[in-house]
Amino acid sequence: MMSILAEPLEAIFERAERAIPRVEWPLHAPYIEAILRLKREKNAVILAHNYQVPEIFYTVADIVGDSLTLAMEAAKTDADIIVLCGVHFMAETAKLLNPEKRVLVPDLRAGCSLAESITAADVRLLRQRYPGVPVVTYVNTSAKVKAESDVCVTSGNAVRIVEALGVPRVIFLPDEYLAAYVASKTSVEIIAWKGHCEVHERFTAADIRHFRQDDPTLVVLAHPECPPDVLAEADYVGSTHGMAEYVGTMNDAQRTVRPRVVLITECSMADNVTAANPNVDFIRPCNLCPHMKRNTLPKIQHSLETLEFEVHVDPQIAVRARAAVERMLAYGRSSGA
């Protein structure tokens, strides 16, 4: 957890200057100052996903990380208000774990192609087709879909949870490529859905081969939401948390040759990891998530000033969805992905 409530603006900039050009700082500083003040006044906490732009990630966020980190920390916070800088399903998850707190999103339109690829009715039909088979659902789904599931997973703990269920096969929803990755790591039969992330599905194996043409020593890290041929070309496959940890092991000022890395994921992730690892050089292919980029400093300020836009989950759905998320949290994080 990173708390910045009492930190002076110049100190915040110094921490973020590798990711935010100084020429841009005067544009961001008034919003940052207002947001920090509003957080103090309203006992609010800001959770920011790794795909947020640096001016959010490094200046106003109190808790940063992947979807599992945000879920785990959301369950612990004693703030009265949670502002979720990510996408809508993440805010729903925070609300599930904090039913008595007010959960806000800066922009209600911040959706997710994976979450929109499947409905609760789809899950019920799958249960009819495969009676008795557990439903394992990626957290990148709506609360209604989670409510129809047995357990949720993230890309960082999916393999471990699938194996821990001790069953011969599972229904794995909704990401087809993550399902294929899990299937490659376990003997459990995976029944997959054909949902895709609109960011990760655009990467190709040819992209990686092109990067390696200029530098055969390039280290390629890929997210398991990428197509299988992309993962086959990568040196490491893992969640955003896993990628950040992996790069951290390379951040050694004593190396005679600086390592060069490419992160095959949403491009703000590379911006944020770059700032934390000054001894690593990054190539930055840029596939932006349009939904993540709907979050901006002005919108965060507006949300805190007006308490818009609040996320609600139907109580009957919330009870069942919360159970699936809490089962996931009981497993914790796997270091393997």
C-alpha atoms as a PDB file:
ATOM      1  CA  MET A   1       0.000   0.000   0.000  1.00  0.00           C
ATOM      2  CA  MET A   2       1.319   3.429  -0.908  1.00  0.00           C
ATOM      3  CA  SER A   3      -0.033   6.368   1.111  1.00  0.00           C
ATOM      4  CA  ILE A   4       0.641   9.870  -0.182  1.00  0.00           C
ATOM      5  CA  LEU A   5      -1.839  11.962   1.823  1.00  0.00           C
ATOM      6  CA  ALA A   6       0.841  13.879   3.725  1.00  0.00           C
ATOM      7  CA  GLU A   7       3.461  14.022   0.999  1.00  0.00           C
ATOM      8  CA  PRO A   8       4.342  17.434  -0.527  1.00  0.00           C
ATOM      9  CA  LEU A   9       3.714  17.871  -4.239  1.00  0.00           C
ATOM     10  CA  GLU A  10       7.375  18.224  -5.136  1.00  0.00           C
ATOM     11  CA  ALA A  11       8.197  14.944  -3.394  1.00  0.00           C
ATOM     12  CA  ILE A  12       5.402  13.264  -5.330  1.00  0.00           C
ATOM     13  CA  PHE A  13       6.797  14.589  -8.578  1.00  0.00           C
ATOM     14  CA  GLU A  14      10.326  13.446  -7.747  1.00  0.00           C
ATOM     15  CA  ARG A  15       9.032   9.916  -7.277  1.00  0.00           C
ATOM     16  CA  ALA A  16       7.164  10.034 -10.582  1.00  0.00           C
ATOM     17  CA  GLU A  17       9.539  12.089 -12.743  1.00  0.00           C
ATOM     18  CA  ARG A  18      10.751   9.101 -14.785  1.00  0.00           C
ATOM     19  CA  ALA A  19       7.148   8.576 -15.906  1.00  0.00           C
ATOM     20  CA  ILE A  20       5.798  12.154 -16.023  1.00  0.00           C
ATOM     21  CA  PRO A  21       7.701  14.824 -17.991  1.00  0.00           C
ATOM     22  CA  ARG A  22       8.337  17.960 -15.943  1.00  0.00           C
ATOM     23  CA  VAL A  23       6.764  20.070 -18.669  1.00  0.00           C
ATOM     24  CA  GLU A  24       3.441  18.287 -17.998  1.00  0.00           C
ATOM     25  CA  TRP A  25       3.582  18.701 -14.226  1.00  0.00           C
ATOM     26  CA  PRO A  26       1.970  22.187 -14.076  1.00  0.00           C
ATOM     27  CA  LEU A  27      -1.045  20.742 -15.896  1.00  0.00           C
ATOM     28  CA  HIS A  28      -1.506  17.956 -13.367  1.00  0.00           C
ATOM     29  CA  ALA A  29      -0.496  19.658 -10.112  1.00  0.00           C
ATOM     30  CA  PRO A  30      -3.723  21.659  -9.433  1.00  0.00           C
ATOM     31  CA  TYR A  31      -5.863  18.528  -9.829  1.00  0.00           C
ATOM     32  CA  ILE A  32      -3.504  16.484  -7.685  1.00  0.00           C
ATOM     33  CA  GLU A  33      -3.534  19.084  -4.924  1.00  0.00           C
ATOM     34  CA  ALA A  34      -7.354  19.230  -4.968  1.00  0.00           C
ATOM     35  CA  ILE A  35      -7.691  15.439  -4.938  1.00  0.00           C
ATOM     36  CA  LEU A  36      -5.307  15.048  -2.001  1.00  0.00           C
ATOM     37  CA  ARG A  37      -7.297  17.651  -0.069  1.00  0.00           C
ATOM     38  CA  LEU A  38     -10.619  15.965  -0.878  1.00  0.00           C
ATOM     39  CA  LYS A  39      -9.283  12.585   0.220  1.00  0.00           C
ATOM     40  CA  ARG A  40      -8.361  14.028   3.620  1.00  0.00           C
ATOM     41  CA  GLU A  41     -11.691  15.786   4.020  1.00  0.00           C
ATOM     42  CA  LYS A  42     -13.832  12.796   3.064  1.00  0.00           C
ATOM     43  CA  ASN A  43     -11.727   9.922   4.393  1.00  0.00           C
ATOM     44  CA  ALA A  44     -11.430   8.524   0.893  1.00  0.00           C
ATOM     45  CA  VAL A  45      -8.970   6.080  -0.599  1.00  0.00           C
ATOM     46  CA  ILE A  46      -8.070   5.713  -4.276  1.00  0.00           C
ATOM     47  CA  LEU A  47      -7.377   2.269  -5.751  1.00  0.00           C
ATOM     48  CA  ALA A  48      -5.616   2.308  -9.134  1.00  0.00           C
ATOM     49  CA  HIS A  49      -4.998  -0.591 -11.462  1.00  0.00           C
ATOM     50  CA  ASN A  50      -1.587  -1.083 -13.067  1.00  0.00           C
ATOM     51  CA  TYR A  51      -3.023   0.113 -16.400  1.00  0.00           C
ATOM     52  CA  GLN A  52      -3.725   3.618 -15.115  1.00  0.00           C
ATOM     53  CA  VAL A  53      -1.718   6.522 -16.511  1.00  0.00           C
ATOM     54  CA  PRO A  54       1.305   7.598 -14.424  1.00  0.00           C
ATOM     55  CA  GLU A  55      -0.278  10.875 -13.314  1.00  0.00           C
ATOM     56  CA  ILE A  56      -2.901   8.789 -11.485  1.00  0.00           C
ATOM     57  CA  PHE A  57      -0.757   5.792 -10.579  1.00  0.00           C
ATOM     58  CA  TYR A  58       2.088   7.763  -8.997  1.00  0.00           C
ATOM     59  CA  THR A  59       0.411  10.864  -7.610  1.00  0.00           C
ATOM     60  CA  VAL A  60      -3.041  10.287  -6.114  1.00  0.00           C
ATOM     61  CA  ALA A  61      -3.408   6.507  -5.763  1.00  0.00           C
ATOM     62  CA  ASP A  62      -3.122   5.042  -2.270  1.00  0.00           C
ATOM     63  CA  ILE A  63      -3.228   1.414  -3.386  1.00  0.00           C
ATOM     64  CA  VAL A  64      -1.914   0.238  -6.756  1.00  0.00           C
ATOM     65  CA  GLY A  65      -1.629  -3.164  -8.358  1.00  0.00           C
ATOM     66  CA  ASP A  66      -3.330  -5.878 -10.334  1.00  0.00           C
ATOM     67  CA  SER A  67      -6.956  -6.922  -9.874  1.00  0.00           C
ATOM     68  CA  LEU A  68      -6.108  -9.360  -7.073  1.00  0.00           C
ATOM     69  CA  THR A  69      -4.123  -6.756  -5.135  1.00  0.00           C
ATOM     70  CA  LEU A  70      -6.965  -4.270  -5.433  1.00  0.00           C
ATOM     71  CA  ALA A  71      -9.507  -6.865  -4.292  1.00  0.00           C
ATOM     72  CA  MET A  72      -7.385  -7.886  -1.313  1.00  0.00           C
ATOM     73  CA  GLU A  73      -6.689  -4.312  -0.238  1.00  0.00           C
ATOM     74  CA  ALA A  74     -10.282  -3.223  -0.782  1.00  0.00           C
ATOM     75  CA  ALA A  75     -11.295  -5.841   1.766  1.00  0.00           C
ATOM     76  CA  LYS A  76      -8.979  -4.244   4.364  1.00  0.00           C
ATOM     77  CA  THR A  77      -9.538  -0.508   3.966  1.00  0.00           C
ATOM     78  CA  ASP A  78     -11.053   1.563   6.766  1.00  0.00           C
ATOM     79  CA  ALA A  79     -11.868   4.492   4.465  1.00  0.00           C
ATOM     80  CA  ASP A  80     -15.470   5.669   4.168  1.00  0.00           C
ATOM     81  CA  ILE A  81     -15.198   6.168   0.398  1.00  0.00           C
ATOM     82  CA  ILE A  82     -13.397   4.058  -2.201  1.00  0.00           C
ATOM     83  CA  VAL A  83     -12.629   5.559  -5.607  1.00  0.00           C
ATOM     84  CA  LEU A  84     -11.772   2.790  -8.042  1.00  0.00           C
ATOM     85  CA  CYS A  85      -9.590   3.899 -10.945  1.00  0.00           C
ATOM     86  CA  GLY A  86      -9.891   0.925 -13.216  1.00  0.00           C
ATOM     87  CA  VAL A  87     -12.967  -0.505 -14.892  1.00  0.00           C
ATOM     88  CA  HIS A  88     -16.492  -1.181 -13.707  1.00  0.00           C
ATOM     89  CA  PHE A  89     -16.128  -4.835 -12.710  1.00  0.00           C
ATOM     90  CA  MET A  90     -13.266  -3.863 -10.380  1.00  0.00           C
ATOM     91  CA  ALA A  91     -15.487  -1.298  -8.667  1.00  0.00           C
ATOM     92  CA  GLU A  92     -18.210  -3.928  -8.304  1.00  0.00           C
ATOM     93  CA  THR A  93     -15.689  -6.256  -6.671  1.00  0.00           C
ATOM     94  CA  ALA A  94     -14.681  -3.515  -4.236  1.00  0.00           C
ATOM     95  CA  LYS A  95     -18.364  -2.971  -3.434  1.00  0.00           C
ATOM     96  CA  LEU A  96     -18.911  -6.700  -2.887  1.00  0.00           C
ATOM     97  CA  LEU A  97     -16.139  -6.696  -0.290  1.00  0.00           C
ATOM     98  CA  ASN A  98     -17.232  -3.392   1.268  1.00  0.00           C
ATOM     99  CA  PRO A  99     -21.047  -3.408   1.181  1.00  0.00           C
ATOM    100  CA  GLU A 100     -21.331  -0.646   3.788  1.00  0.00           C
ATOM    101  CA  LYS A 101     -18.903   1.710   2.060  1.00  0.00           C
ATOM    102  CA  ARG A 102     -19.506   4.110  -0.801  1.00  0.00           C
ATOM    103  CA  VAL A 103     -17.651   2.960  -3.930  1.00  0.00           C
ATOM    104  CA  LEU A 104     -17.211   5.482  -6.734  1.00  0.00           C
ATOM    105  CA  VAL A 105     -15.919   5.294 -10.293  1.00  0.00           C
ATOM    106  CA  PRO A 106     -14.686   8.411 -12.116  1.00  0.00           C
ATOM    107  CA  ASP A 107     -16.468   7.331 -15.335  1.00  0.00           C
ATOM    108  CA  LEU A 108     -19.373   4.868 -15.520  1.00  0.00           C
ATOM    109  CA  ARG A 109     -18.470   4.060 -19.140  1.00  0.00           C
ATOM    110  CA  ALA A 110     -15.211   2.360 -18.129  1.00  0.00           C
ATOM    111  CA  GLY A 111     -16.188  -1.165 -19.131  1.00  0.00           C
ATOM    112  CA  CYS A 112     -14.336  -4.303 -20.217  1.00  0.00           C
ATOM    113  CA  SER A 113     -14.602  -6.418 -23.355  1.00  0.00           C
ATOM    114  CA  LEU A 114     -14.138  -9.592 -21.312  1.00  0.00           C
ATOM    115  CA  ALA A 115     -16.840  -8.677 -18.815  1.00  0.00           C
ATOM    116  CA  GLU A 116     -19.189  -7.902 -21.675  1.00  0.00           C
ATOM    117  CA  SER A 117     -18.472 -11.195 -23.468  1.00  0.00           C
ATOM    118  CA  ILE A 118     -20.606 -13.308 -21.133  1.00  0.00           C
ATOM    119  CA  THR A 119     -23.861 -12.973 -19.177  1.00  0.00           C
ATOM    120  CA  ALA A 120     -25.357 -14.693 -16.154  1.00  0.00           C
ATOM    121  CA  ALA A 121     -27.797 -16.459 -18.509  1.00  0.00           C
ATOM    122  CA  ASP A 122     -24.839 -17.871 -20.455  1.00  0.00           C
ATOM    123  CA  VAL A 123     -23.423 -19.349 -17.253  1.00  0.00           C
ATOM    124  CA  ARG A 124     -26.745 -20.931 -16.326  1.00  0.00           C
ATOM    125  CA  LEU A 125     -26.927 -22.559 -19.762  1.00  0.00           C
ATOM    126  CA  LEU A 126     -23.392 -23.917 -19.360  1.00  0.00           C
ATOM    127  CA  ARG A 127     -24.367 -25.434 -16.018  1.00  0.00           C
ATOM    128  CA  GLN A 128     -27.286 -27.167 -17.730  1.00  0.00           C
ATOM    129  CA  ARG A 129     -24.977 -28.519 -20.433  1.00  0.00           C
ATOM    130  CA  TYR A 130     -22.320 -29.677 -17.963  1.00  0.00           C
ATOM    131  CA  PRO A 131     -24.173 -30.603 -14.763  1.00  0.00           C
ATOM    132  CA  GLY A 132     -22.007 -30.834 -11.685  1.00  0.00           C
ATOM    133  CA  VAL A 133     -18.932 -29.250 -13.301  1.00  0.00           C
ATOM    134  CA  PRO A 134     -17.563 -26.349 -11.199  1.00  0.00           C
ATOM    135  CA  VAL A 135     -17.641 -22.885 -12.739  1.00  0.00           C
ATOM    136  CA  VAL A 136     -14.348 -21.027 -12.361  1.00  0.00           C
ATOM    137  CA  THR A 137     -14.692 -17.393 -13.337  1.00  0.00           C
ATOM    138  CA  TYR A 138     -12.054 -14.774 -14.046  1.00  0.00           C
ATOM    139  CA  VAL A 139     -12.540 -11.620 -11.996  1.00  0.00           C
ATOM    140  CA  ASN A 140     -12.910  -9.699 -15.265  1.00  0.00           C
ATOM    141  CA  THR A 141     -16.660 -10.312 -15.136  1.00  0.00           C
ATOM    142  CA  SER A 142     -19.783  -8.632 -13.833  1.00  0.00           C
ATOM    143  CA  ALA A 143     -21.170  -9.282 -10.361  1.00  0.00           C
ATOM    144  CA  LYS A 144     -24.107 -11.079 -11.985  1.00  0.00           C
ATOM    145  CA  VAL A 145     -21.728 -13.562 -13.631  1.00  0.00           C
ATOM    146  CA  LYS A 146     -19.728 -13.988 -10.433  1.00  0.00           C
ATOM    147  CA  ALA A 147     -22.977 -14.809  -8.640  1.00  0.00           C
ATOM    148  CA  GLU A 148     -23.467 -17.803 -10.946  1.00  0.00           C
ATOM    149  CA  SER A 149     -19.927 -19.059 -10.292  1.00  0.00           C
ATOM    150  CA  ASP A 150     -18.332 -21.347  -7.740  1.00  0.00           C
ATOM    151  CA  VAL A 151     -15.055 -19.477  -7.397  1.00  0.00           C
ATOM    152  CA  CYS A 152     -13.309 -16.497  -8.983  1.00  0.00           C
ATOM    153  CA  VAL A 153      -9.680 -16.380 -10.081  1.00  0.00           C
ATOM    154  CA  THR A 154      -7.161 -13.918 -11.443  1.00  0.00           C
ATOM    155  CA  SER A 155      -4.422 -14.595 -13.959  1.00  0.00           C
ATOM    156  CA  GLY A 156      -2.043 -14.808 -10.998  1.00  0.00           C
ATOM    157  CA  ASN A 157      -3.781 -17.635  -9.140  1.00  0.00           C
ATOM    158  CA  ALA A 158      -5.931 -19.377 -11.777  1.00  0.00           C
ATOM    159  CA  VAL A 159      -3.734 -22.467 -12.199  1.00  0.00           C
ATOM    160  CA  ARG A 160      -3.406 -23.054  -8.472  1.00  0.00           C
ATOM    161  CA  ILE A 161      -7.113 -22.655  -7.782  1.00  0.00           C
ATOM    162  CA  VAL A 162      -8.137 -24.929 -10.660  1.00  0.00           C
ATOM    163  CA  GLU A 163      -5.825 -27.651  -9.383  1.00  0.00           C
ATOM    164  CA  ALA A 164      -6.875 -27.134  -5.764  1.00  0.00           C
ATOM    165  CA  LEU A 165     -10.507 -27.888  -6.616  1.00  0.00           C
ATOM    166  CA  GLY A 166      -9.546 -31.539  -7.038  1.00  0.00           C
ATOM    167  CA  VAL A 167     -11.941 -32.227  -9.904  1.00  0.00           C
ATOM    168  CA  PRO A 168     -11.298 -33.741 -13.360  1.00  0.00           C
ATOM    169  CA  ARG A 169     -12.710 -30.792 -15.313  1.00  0.00           C
ATOM    170  CA  VAL A 170     -13.958 -27.251 -14.845  1.00  0.00           C
ATOM    171  CA  ILE A 171     -15.838 -24.622 -16.811  1.00  0.00           C
ATOM    172  CA  PHE A 172     -13.412 -21.687 -17.123  1.00  0.00           C
ATOM    173  CA  LEU A 173     -14.864 -18.274 -18.026  1.00  0.00           C
ATOM    174  CA  PRO A 174     -14.687 -16.045 -19.976  1.00  0.00           C
ATOM    175  CA  ASP A 175     -11.181 -15.576 -21.469  1.00  0.00           C
ATOM    176  CA  GLU A 176     -10.395 -18.213 -24.087  1.00  0.00           C
ATOM    177  CA  TYR A 177      -6.669 -17.491 -24.104  1.00  0.00           C
ATOM    178  CA  LEU A 178      -6.272 -17.515 -20.332  1.00  0.00           C
ATOM    179  CA  ALA A 179      -8.215 -20.798 -20.337  1.00  0.00           C
ATOM    180  CA  ALA A 180      -5.764 -22.223 -22.882  1.00  0.00           C
ATOM    181  CA  TYR A 181      -2.835 -21.106 -20.736  1.00  0.00           C
ATOM    182  CA  VAL A 182      -4.345 -22.747 -17.644  1.00  0.00           C
ATOM    183  CA  ALA A 183      -5.003 -25.920 -19.652  1.00  0.00           C
ATOM    184  CA  SER A 184      -1.314 -26.018 -20.636  1.00  0.00           C
ATOM    185  CA  LYS A 185      -0.304 -25.973 -16.970  1.00  0.00           C
ATOM    186  CA  THR A 186      -2.649 -28.608 -15.540  1.00  0.00           C
ATOM    187  CA  SER A 187      -4.135 -32.007 -16.314  1.00  0.00           C
ATOM    188  CA  VAL A 188      -7.599 -30.716 -15.416  1.00  0.00           C
ATOM    189  CA  GLU A 189      -9.871 -30.589 -18.475  1.00  0.00           C
ATOM    190  CA  ILE A 190     -10.810 -26.985 -19.239  1.00  0.00           C
ATOM    191  CA  ILE A 191     -14.149 -26.139 -20.825  1.00  0.00           C
ATOM    192  CA  ALA A 192     -13.602 -22.641 -22.180  1.00  0.00           C
ATOM    193  CA  TRP A 193     -15.667 -19.683 -23.341  1.00  0.00           C
ATOM    194  CA  LYS A 194     -14.639 -17.532 -26.318  1.00  0.00           C
ATOM    195  CA  GLY A 195     -14.208 -14.179 -24.625  1.00  0.00           C
ATOM    196  CA  HIS A 196     -11.160 -12.035 -25.411  1.00  0.00           C
ATOM    197  CA  CYS A 197      -9.484  -8.911 -24.080  1.00  0.00           C
ATOM    198  CA  GLU A 198      -9.530  -6.288 -26.813  1.00  0.00           C
ATOM    199  CA  VAL A 199      -6.050  -5.131 -25.774  1.00  0.00           C
ATOM    200  CA  HIS A 200      -4.210  -8.442 -25.503  1.00  0.00           C
ATOM    201  CA  GLU A 201      -5.829 -10.210 -28.440  1.00  0.00           C
ATOM    202  CA  ARG A 202      -4.255  -7.681 -30.837  1.00  0.00           C
ATOM    203  CA  PHE A 203      -0.693  -8.818 -30.108  1.00  0.00           C
ATOM    204  CA  THR A 204       0.829 -11.374 -32.482  1.00  0.00           C
ATOM    205  CA  ALA A 205       3.826 -13.686 -32.497  1.00  0.00           C
ATOM    206  CA  ALA A 206       5.120 -11.678 -35.476  1.00  0.00           C
ATOM    207  CA  ASP A 207       5.229  -8.604 -33.225  1.00  0.00           C
ATOM    208  CA  ILE A 208       7.599 -10.355 -30.851  1.00  0.00           C
ATOM    209  CA  ARG A 209       9.804 -11.707 -33.636  1.00  0.00           C
ATOM    210  CA  HIS A 210      10.040  -8.177 -35.011  1.00  0.00           C
ATOM    211  CA  PHE A 211      11.237  -6.851 -31.632  1.00  0.00           C
ATOM    212  CA  ARG A 212      13.831  -9.624 -31.370  1.00  0.00           C
ATOM    213  CA  GLN A 213      15.281  -8.828 -34.820  1.00  0.00           C
ATOM    214  CA  ASP A 214      16.918  -5.715 -33.404  1.00  0.00           C
ATOM    215  CA  ASP A 215      18.029  -7.348 -30.159  1.00  0.00           C
ATOM    216  CA  PRO A 216      18.105 -11.158 -29.767  1.00  0.00           C
ATOM    217  CA  THR A 217      18.789 -10.686 -26.022  1.00  0.00           C
ATOM    218  CA  LEU A 218      15.501  -8.863 -25.516  1.00  0.00           C
ATOM    219  CA  VAL A 219      13.470 -10.293 -22.612  1.00  0.00           C
ATOM    220  CA  VAL A 220       9.792 -10.705 -23.501  1.00  0.00           C
ATOM    221  CA  LEU A 221       7.144 -10.793 -20.781  1.00  0.00           C
ATOM    222  CA  ALA A 222       3.562 -11.555 -21.837  1.00  0.00           C
ATOM    223  CA  HIS A 223       0.203 -11.559 -20.105  1.00  0.00           C
ATOM    224  CA  PRO A 224      -1.730 -14.863 -20.340  1.00  0.00           C
ATOM    225  CA  GLU A 225      -4.688 -13.053 -21.934  1.00  0.00           C
ATOM    226  CA  CYS A 226      -2.558 -12.960 -25.102  1.00  0.00           C
ATOM    227  CA  PRO A 227      -3.029 -15.586 -27.859  1.00  0.00           C
ATOM    228  CA  PRO A 228      -1.138 -18.876 -27.416  1.00  0.00           C
ATOM    229  CA  ASP A 229       1.332 -18.174 -30.241  1.00  0.00           C
ATOM    230  CA  VAL A 230       2.343 -14.975 -28.439  1.00  0.00           C
ATOM    231  CA  LEU A 231       2.886 -16.827 -25.165  1.00  0.00           C
ATOM    232  CA  ALA A 232       4.992 -19.414 -26.995  1.00  0.00           C
ATOM    233  CA  GLU A 233       7.398 -16.640 -28.044  1.00  0.00           C
ATOM    234  CA  ALA A 234       7.686 -15.119 -24.568  1.00  0.00           C
ATOM    235  CA  ASP A 235      10.420 -15.661 -21.979  1.00  0.00           C
ATOM    236  CA  TYR A 236       7.969 -15.212 -19.105  1.00  0.00           C
ATOM    237  CA  VAL A 237       4.180 -15.440 -18.902  1.00  0.00           C
ATOM    238  CA  GLY A 238       2.377 -13.943 -15.945  1.00  0.00           C
ATOM    239  CA  SER A 239      -0.038 -11.493 -14.428  1.00  0.00           C
ATOM    240  CA  THR A 240       0.752  -7.792 -14.202  1.00  0.00           C
ATOM    241  CA  HIS A 241       1.928  -8.386 -10.630  1.00  0.00           C
ATOM    242  CA  GLY A 242       4.137 -11.239 -11.796  1.00  0.00           C
ATOM    243  CA  MET A 243       5.603  -9.113 -14.591  1.00  0.00           C
ATOM    244  CA  ALA A 244       6.452  -6.304 -12.191  1.00  0.00           C
ATOM    245  CA  GLU A 245       8.141  -8.726  -9.806  1.00  0.00           C
ATOM    246  CA  TYR A 246      10.088 -10.350 -12.645  1.00  0.00           C
ATOM    247  CA  VAL A 247      11.381  -7.003 -13.918  1.00  0.00           C
ATOM    248  CA  GLY A 248      12.323  -6.073 -10.355  1.00  0.00           C
ATOM    249  CA  THR A 249      14.770  -8.993 -10.254  1.00  0.00           C
ATOM    250  CA  MET A 250      16.525  -7.497 -13.301  1.00  0.00           C
ATOM    251  CA  ASN A 251      16.818  -3.982 -11.844  1.00  0.00           C
ATOM    252  CA  ASP A 252      20.466  -4.284 -10.847  1.00  0.00           C
ATOM    253  CA  ALA A 253      22.736  -1.268 -11.211  1.00  0.00           C
ATOM    254  CA  GLN A 254      25.803  -3.539 -11.039  1.00  0.00           C
ATOM    255  CA  ARG A 255      25.048  -5.313 -14.332  1.00  0.00           C
ATOM    256  CA  THR A 256      27.638  -4.638 -17.022  1.00  0.00           C
ATOM    257  CA  VAL A 257      24.890  -4.643 -19.682  1.00  0.00           C
ATOM    258  CA  ARG A 258      21.517  -3.097 -18.980  1.00  0.00           C
ATOM    259  CA  PRO A 259      18.708  -5.580 -19.674  1.00  0.00           C
ATOM    260  CA  ARG A 260      16.148  -4.666 -22.314  1.00  0.00           C
ATOM    261  CA  VAL A 261      12.551  -5.727 -21.739  1.00  0.00           C
ATOM    262  CA  VAL A 262       9.267  -5.621 -23.598  1.00  0.00           C
ATOM    263  CA  LEU A 263       5.958  -6.058 -21.748  1.00  0.00           C
ATOM    264  CA  ILE A 264       3.263  -7.565 -23.955  1.00  0.00           C
ATOM    265  CA  THR A 265       0.317  -5.989 -22.203  1.00  0.00           C
ATOM    266  CA  GLU A 266      -1.490  -2.641 -21.883  1.00  0.00           C
ATOM    267  CA  CYS A 267       1.047   0.105 -22.464  1.00  0.00           C
ATOM    268  CA  SER A 268       0.555   2.163 -19.297  1.00  0.00           C
ATOM    269  CA  MET A 269       1.822  -0.882 -17.445  1.00  0.00           C
ATOM    270  CA  ALA A 270       5.193  -0.349 -19.131  1.00  0.00           C
ATOM    271  CA  ASP A 271       5.160   3.336 -18.169  1.00  0.00           C
ATOM    272  CA  ASN A 272       4.578   2.502 -14.520  1.00  0.00           C
ATOM    273  CA  VAL A 273       7.076  -0.361 -14.326  1.00  0.00           C
ATOM    274  CA  THR A 274       9.676   1.835 -16.038  1.00  0.00           C
ATOM    275  CA  ALA A 275       9.534   4.421 -13.276  1.00  0.00           C
ATOM    276  CA  ALA A 276      10.136   1.749 -10.635  1.00  0.00           C
ATOM    277  CA  ASN A 277      13.087   0.132 -12.446  1.00  0.00           C
ATOM    278  CA  PRO A 278      15.646   2.750 -13.550  1.00  0.00           C
ATOM    279  CA  ASN A 279      18.280   0.147 -14.432  1.00  0.00           C
ATOM    280  CA  VAL A 280      16.156  -1.586 -17.059  1.00  0.00           C
ATOM    281  CA  ASP A 281      15.494  -0.340 -20.582  1.00  0.00           C
ATOM    282  CA  PHE A 282      12.018  -0.853 -22.031  1.00  0.00           C
ATOM    283  CA  ILE A 283      10.616  -1.219 -25.512  1.00  0.00           C
ATOM    284  CA  ARG A 284       7.013  -0.081 -25.396  1.00  0.00           C
ATOM    285  CA  PRO A 285       4.520  -1.532 -27.826  1.00  0.00           C
ATOM    286  CA  CYS A 286       1.360   0.390 -27.148  1.00  0.00           C
ATOM    287  CA  ASN A 287      -2.045  -1.215 -27.143  1.00  0.00           C
ATOM    288  CA  LEU A 288      -4.174   1.116 -25.069  1.00  0.00           C
ATOM    289  CA  CYS A 289      -7.234   0.035 -23.121  1.00  0.00           C
ATOM    290  CA  PRO A 290      -9.796   2.711 -24.026  1.00  0.00           C
ATOM    291  CA  HIS A 291     -11.814   1.932 -20.911  1.00  0.00           C
ATOM    292  CA  MET A 292      -8.922   2.310 -18.465  1.00  0.00           C
ATOM    293  CA  LYS A 293      -8.069   5.621 -20.095  1.00  0.00           C
ATOM    294  CA  ARG A 294     -11.497   7.035 -19.280  1.00  0.00           C
ATOM    295  CA  ASN A 295     -10.139   7.675 -15.779  1.00  0.00           C
ATOM    296  CA  THR A 296      -8.511  11.103 -15.532  1.00  0.00           C
ATOM    297  CA  LEU A 297      -7.457  13.465 -12.768  1.00  0.00           C
ATOM    298  CA  PRO A 298     -10.316  15.934 -13.487  1.00  0.00           C
ATOM    299  CA  LYS A 299     -12.839  13.095 -13.327  1.00  0.00           C
ATOM    300  CA  ILE A 300     -11.412  11.831 -10.031  1.00  0.00           C
ATOM    301  CA  GLN A 301     -11.688  15.327  -8.581  1.00  0.00           C
ATOM    302  CA  HIS A 302     -15.265  15.602  -9.811  1.00  0.00           C
ATOM    303  CA  SER A 303     -16.141  12.215  -8.344  1.00  0.00           C
ATOM    304  CA  LEU A 304     -14.828  13.179  -4.915  1.00  0.00           C
ATOM    305  CA  GLU A 305     -16.489  16.601  -4.988  1.00  0.00           C
ATOM    306  CA  THR A 306     -19.926  15.351  -6.038  1.00  0.00           C
ATOM    307  CA  LEU A 307     -19.747  11.707  -4.869  1.00  0.00           C
ATOM    308  CA  GLU A 308     -20.544  10.579  -8.401  1.00  0.00           C
ATOM    309  CA  PHE A 309     -20.655   7.927  -9.787  1.00  0.00           C
ATOM    310  CA  GLU A 310     -21.596   5.413  -7.133  1.00  0.00           C
ATOM    311  CA  VAL A 311     -21.556   1.687  -7.868  1.00  0.00           C
ATOM    312  CA  HIS A 312     -24.417  -0.454  -6.568  1.00  0.00           C
ATOM    313  CA  VAL A 313     -24.895  -4.230  -6.605  1.00  0.00           C
ATOM    314  CA  ASP A 314     -28.269  -5.843  -6.011  1.00  0.00           C
ATOM    315  CA  PRO A 315     -28.099  -7.358  -2.482  1.00  0.00           C
ATOM    316  CA  GLN A 316     -29.358 -10.778  -3.602  1.00  0.00           C
ATOM    317  CA  ILE A 317     -26.718 -10.928  -6.340  1.00  0.00           C
ATOM    318  CA  ALA A 318     -24.065  -9.523  -4.020  1.00  0.00           C
ATOM    319  CA  VAL A 319     -24.398 -12.343  -1.469  1.00  0.00           C
ATOM    320  CA  ARG A 320     -23.641 -15.026  -4.046  1.00  0.00           C
ATOM    321  CA  ALA A 321     -21.012 -13.028  -5.946  1.00  0.00           C
ATOM    322  CA  ARG A 322     -19.223 -12.150  -2.705  1.00  0.00           C
ATOM    323  CA  ALA A 323     -18.954 -15.835  -1.829  1.00  0.00           C
ATOM    324  CA  ALA A 324     -17.160 -16.578  -5.116  1.00  0.00           C
ATOM    325  CA  VAL A 325     -14.731 -13.683  -4.578  1.00  0.00           C
ATOM    326  CA  GLU A 326     -14.069 -14.607  -0.955  1.00  0.00           C
ATOM    327  CA  ARG A 327     -13.252 -18.172  -1.992  1.00  0.00           C
ATOM    328  CA  MET A 328     -10.664 -16.695  -4.358  1.00  0.00           C
ATOM    329  CA  LEU A 329      -9.177 -14.502  -1.629  1.00  0.00           C
ATOM    330  CA  ALA A 330      -8.872 -17.513   0.660  1.00  0.00           C
ATOM    331  CA  TYR A 331      -6.409 -18.987  -1.833  1.00  0.00           C
ATOM    332  CA  GLY A 332      -4.319 -15.808  -1.902  1.00  0.00           C
ATOM    333  CA  ARG A 333      -1.725 -15.158  -4.568  1.00  0.00           C
ATOM    334  CA  SER A 334       0.353 -17.663  -6.464  1.00  0.00           C
ATOM    335  CA  SER A 335       3.890 -16.576  -7.245  1.00  0.00           C
ATOM    336  CA  GLY A 336       3.914 -18.620 -10.422  1.00  0.00           C
ATOM    337  CA  ALA A 337       1.884 -16.424 -12.787  1.00  0.00           C
END
